[in-house]
């Protein structure tokens, strides 16, 4: 009860009509561009998709490496992390560890 009372102390009640206020960019008001800019400032994704592509290697190898870096190879380990049921979670190659992209790349 005391915690509720402390929370209620921070609120003020008045007879004024309720209004919505945008606090993102006070000069221009609300805009989708403003939201996008705020979200980009909060999360730096510039290095997530940066990869050096090798011209001498086939596009399939480059894509496979990129998917490995992004943790997008559909191994049992990756599927379990995404809450997808997997019947066999053992590695098809060594049958002792959980199937993961690192193990597959070491064997190949």
C-alpha atoms as a PDB file:
ATOM      1  CA  UNK A   1       0.000   0.000   0.000  1.00  0.00           C
ATOM      2  CA  UNK A   2       2.858   2.355   0.833  1.00  0.00           C
ATOM      3  CA  UNK A   3       4.427   1.713  -2.557  1.00  0.00           C
ATOM      4  CA  UNK A   4       1.130   2.594  -4.248  1.00  0.00           C
ATOM      5  CA  UNK A   5       0.887   5.803  -2.262  1.00  0.00           C
ATOM      6  CA  UNK A   6       4.454   6.783  -3.291  1.00  0.00           C
ATOM      7  CA  UNK A   7       3.581   6.170  -6.934  1.00  0.00           C
ATOM      8  CA  UNK A   8       0.418   8.247  -6.632  1.00  0.00           C
ATOM      9  CA  UNK A   9       2.390  11.172  -5.164  1.00  0.00           C
ATOM     10  CA  UNK A  10       4.152  11.682  -8.510  1.00  0.00           C
ATOM     11  CA  UNK A  11       0.846  12.247 -10.375  1.00  0.00           C
ATOM     12  CA  UNK A  12      -1.114  15.452 -10.401  1.00  0.00           C
ATOM     13  CA  UNK A  13      -4.825  15.675 -11.120  1.00  0.00           C
ATOM     14  CA  UNK A  14      -6.385  18.738 -12.724  1.00  0.00           C
ATOM     15  CA  UNK A  15      -9.619  19.830 -14.415  1.00  0.00           C
ATOM     16  CA  UNK A  16      -7.878  20.440 -17.748  1.00  0.00           C
ATOM     17  CA  UNK A  17      -8.740  18.398 -20.830  1.00  0.00           C
ATOM     18  CA  UNK A  18      -6.268  15.573 -21.528  1.00  0.00           C
ATOM     19  CA  UNK A  19      -3.871  16.164 -24.406  1.00  0.00           C
ATOM     20  CA  UNK A  20      -1.156  14.220 -26.204  1.00  0.00           C
ATOM     21  CA  UNK A  21       2.319  15.740 -26.380  1.00  0.00           C
ATOM     22  CA  UNK A  22       5.152  14.636 -28.636  1.00  0.00           C
ATOM     23  CA  UNK A  23       8.484  15.061 -26.858  1.00  0.00           C
ATOM     24  CA  UNK A  24      10.714  13.677 -29.625  1.00  0.00           C
ATOM     25  CA  UNK A  25      11.244  16.853 -31.644  1.00  0.00           C
ATOM     26  CA  UNK A  26       9.650  19.904 -30.120  1.00  0.00           C
ATOM     27  CA  UNK A  27      10.245  22.244 -33.080  1.00  0.00           C
ATOM     28  CA  UNK A  28       8.782  20.156 -35.935  1.00  0.00           C
ATOM     29  CA  UNK A  29       6.157  18.167 -34.068  1.00  0.00           C
ATOM     30  CA  UNK A  30       5.492  14.488 -34.657  1.00  0.00           C
ATOM     31  CA  UNK A  31       6.742  12.799 -37.836  1.00  0.00           C
ATOM     32  CA  UNK A  32       7.654   9.289 -38.953  1.00  0.00           C
ATOM     33  CA  UNK A  33      11.072  10.628 -39.993  1.00  0.00           C
ATOM     34  CA  UNK A  34      11.589  11.880 -36.429  1.00  0.00           C
ATOM     35  CA  UNK A  35      10.707   8.458 -34.993  1.00  0.00           C
ATOM     36  CA  UNK A  36      13.082   6.747 -37.419  1.00  0.00           C
ATOM     37  CA  UNK A  37      15.909   9.097 -36.451  1.00  0.00           C
ATOM     38  CA  UNK A  38      15.339   8.517 -32.728  1.00  0.00           C
ATOM     39  CA  UNK A  39      15.305   4.733 -33.171  1.00  0.00           C
ATOM     40  CA  UNK A  40      18.497   4.830 -35.230  1.00  0.00           C
ATOM     41  CA  UNK A  41      20.228   6.918 -32.564  1.00  0.00           C
ATOM     42  CA  UNK A  42      19.250   4.422 -29.866  1.00  0.00           C
ATOM     43  CA  UNK A  43      20.582   1.363 -31.689  1.00  0.00           C
ATOM     44  CA  UNK A  44      23.777   1.258 -33.706  1.00  0.00           C
ATOM     45  CA  UNK A  45      23.375  -1.397 -36.389  1.00  0.00           C
ATOM     46  CA  UNK A  46      26.045  -0.089 -38.713  1.00  0.00           C
ATOM     47  CA  UNK A  47      28.442  -2.969 -38.074  1.00  0.00           C
ATOM     48  CA  UNK A  48      25.871  -5.785 -38.008  1.00  0.00           C
ATOM     49  CA  UNK A  49      25.660  -6.200 -41.757  1.00  0.00           C
ATOM     50  CA  UNK A  50      29.157  -5.089 -42.768  1.00  0.00           C
ATOM     51  CA  UNK A  51      31.096  -7.922 -44.354  1.00  0.00           C
ATOM     52  CA  UNK A  52      33.979  -8.098 -46.775  1.00  0.00           C
ATOM     53  CA  UNK A  53      32.798  -9.931 -49.884  1.00  0.00           C
ATOM     54  CA  UNK A  54      35.442 -11.872 -51.802  1.00  0.00           C
ATOM     55  CA  UNK A  55      35.105 -11.644 -55.585  1.00  0.00           C
ATOM     56  CA  UNK A  56      37.088 -14.803 -56.266  1.00  0.00           C
ATOM     57  CA  UNK A  57      34.783 -16.915 -54.114  1.00  0.00           C
ATOM     58  CA  UNK A  58      31.399 -17.994 -55.472  1.00  0.00           C
ATOM     59  CA  UNK A  59      28.338 -16.037 -54.398  1.00  0.00           C
ATOM     60  CA  UNK A  60      27.006 -19.128 -52.604  1.00  0.00           C
ATOM     61  CA  UNK A  61      30.097 -19.294 -50.381  1.00  0.00           C
ATOM     62  CA  UNK A  62      29.888 -15.575 -49.659  1.00  0.00           C
ATOM     63  CA  UNK A  63      26.190 -15.867 -48.760  1.00  0.00           C
ATOM     64  CA  UNK A  64      26.804 -18.909 -46.575  1.00  0.00           C
ATOM     65  CA  UNK A  65      29.563 -17.040 -44.697  1.00  0.00           C
ATOM     66  CA  UNK A  66      27.321 -13.992 -44.308  1.00  0.00           C
ATOM     67  CA  UNK A  67      24.482 -16.148 -42.979  1.00  0.00           C
ATOM     68  CA  UNK A  68      26.911 -17.795 -40.544  1.00  0.00           C
ATOM     69  CA  UNK A  69      28.015 -14.379 -39.252  1.00  0.00           C
ATOM     70  CA  UNK A  70      24.355 -13.357 -38.845  1.00  0.00           C
ATOM     71  CA  UNK A  71      23.577 -16.687 -37.094  1.00  0.00           C
ATOM     72  CA  UNK A  72      21.005 -17.501 -39.771  1.00  0.00           C
ATOM     73  CA  UNK A  73      22.092 -21.018 -40.742  1.00  0.00           C
ATOM     74  CA  UNK A  74      19.222 -23.342 -39.869  1.00  0.00           C
ATOM     75  CA  UNK A  75      20.929 -25.758 -37.535  1.00  0.00           C
ATOM     76  CA  UNK A  76      19.207 -27.486 -34.642  1.00  0.00           C
ATOM     77  CA  UNK A  77      20.905 -25.067 -32.245  1.00  0.00           C
ATOM     78  CA  UNK A  78      19.576 -22.017 -34.132  1.00  0.00           C
ATOM     79  CA  UNK A  79      16.064 -23.467 -34.357  1.00  0.00           C
ATOM     80  CA  UNK A  80      15.989 -24.196 -30.615  1.00  0.00           C
ATOM     81  CA  UNK A  81      17.031 -20.579 -29.891  1.00  0.00           C
ATOM     82  CA  UNK A  82      14.006 -19.449 -31.934  1.00  0.00           C
ATOM     83  CA  UNK A  83      11.680 -21.700 -29.902  1.00  0.00           C
ATOM     84  CA  UNK A  84      11.094 -24.096 -32.800  1.00  0.00           C
ATOM     85  CA  UNK A  85      10.716 -27.730 -31.792  1.00  0.00           C
ATOM     86  CA  UNK A  86      13.449 -29.993 -33.101  1.00  0.00           C
ATOM     87  CA  UNK A  87      13.099 -33.754 -32.832  1.00  0.00           C
ATOM     88  CA  UNK A  88      16.827 -34.541 -32.974  1.00  0.00           C
ATOM     89  CA  UNK A  89      19.133 -31.975 -31.464  1.00  0.00           C
ATOM     90  CA  UNK A  90      22.291 -34.046 -31.854  1.00  0.00           C
ATOM     91  CA  UNK A  91      24.827 -33.311 -34.564  1.00  0.00           C
ATOM     92  CA  UNK A  92      24.397 -35.459 -37.678  1.00  0.00           C
ATOM     93  CA  UNK A  93      28.170 -35.558 -38.165  1.00  0.00           C
ATOM     94  CA  UNK A  94      29.493 -36.368 -34.683  1.00  0.00           C
ATOM     95  CA  UNK A  95      26.222 -37.351 -32.903  1.00  0.00           C
ATOM     96  CA  UNK A  96      27.497 -36.099 -29.558  1.00  0.00           C
ATOM     97  CA  UNK A  97      27.120 -32.333 -29.585  1.00  0.00           C
ATOM     98  CA  UNK A  98      24.219 -30.081 -30.388  1.00  0.00           C
ATOM     99  CA  UNK A  99      24.200 -29.304 -34.100  1.00  0.00           C
ATOM    100  CA  UNK A 100      25.633 -25.808 -34.516  1.00  0.00           C
ATOM    101  CA  UNK A 101      27.081 -23.922 -37.462  1.00  0.00           C
ATOM    102  CA  UNK A 102      30.551 -23.792 -35.875  1.00  0.00           C
ATOM    103  CA  UNK A 103      30.706 -27.586 -35.690  1.00  0.00           C
ATOM    104  CA  UNK A 104      29.539 -27.976 -39.273  1.00  0.00           C
ATOM    105  CA  UNK A 105      32.193 -25.561 -40.536  1.00  0.00           C
ATOM    106  CA  UNK A 106      34.960 -27.364 -38.595  1.00  0.00           C
ATOM    107  CA  UNK A 107      33.966 -30.733 -40.067  1.00  0.00           C
ATOM    108  CA  UNK A 108      33.666 -29.461 -43.635  1.00  0.00           C
END
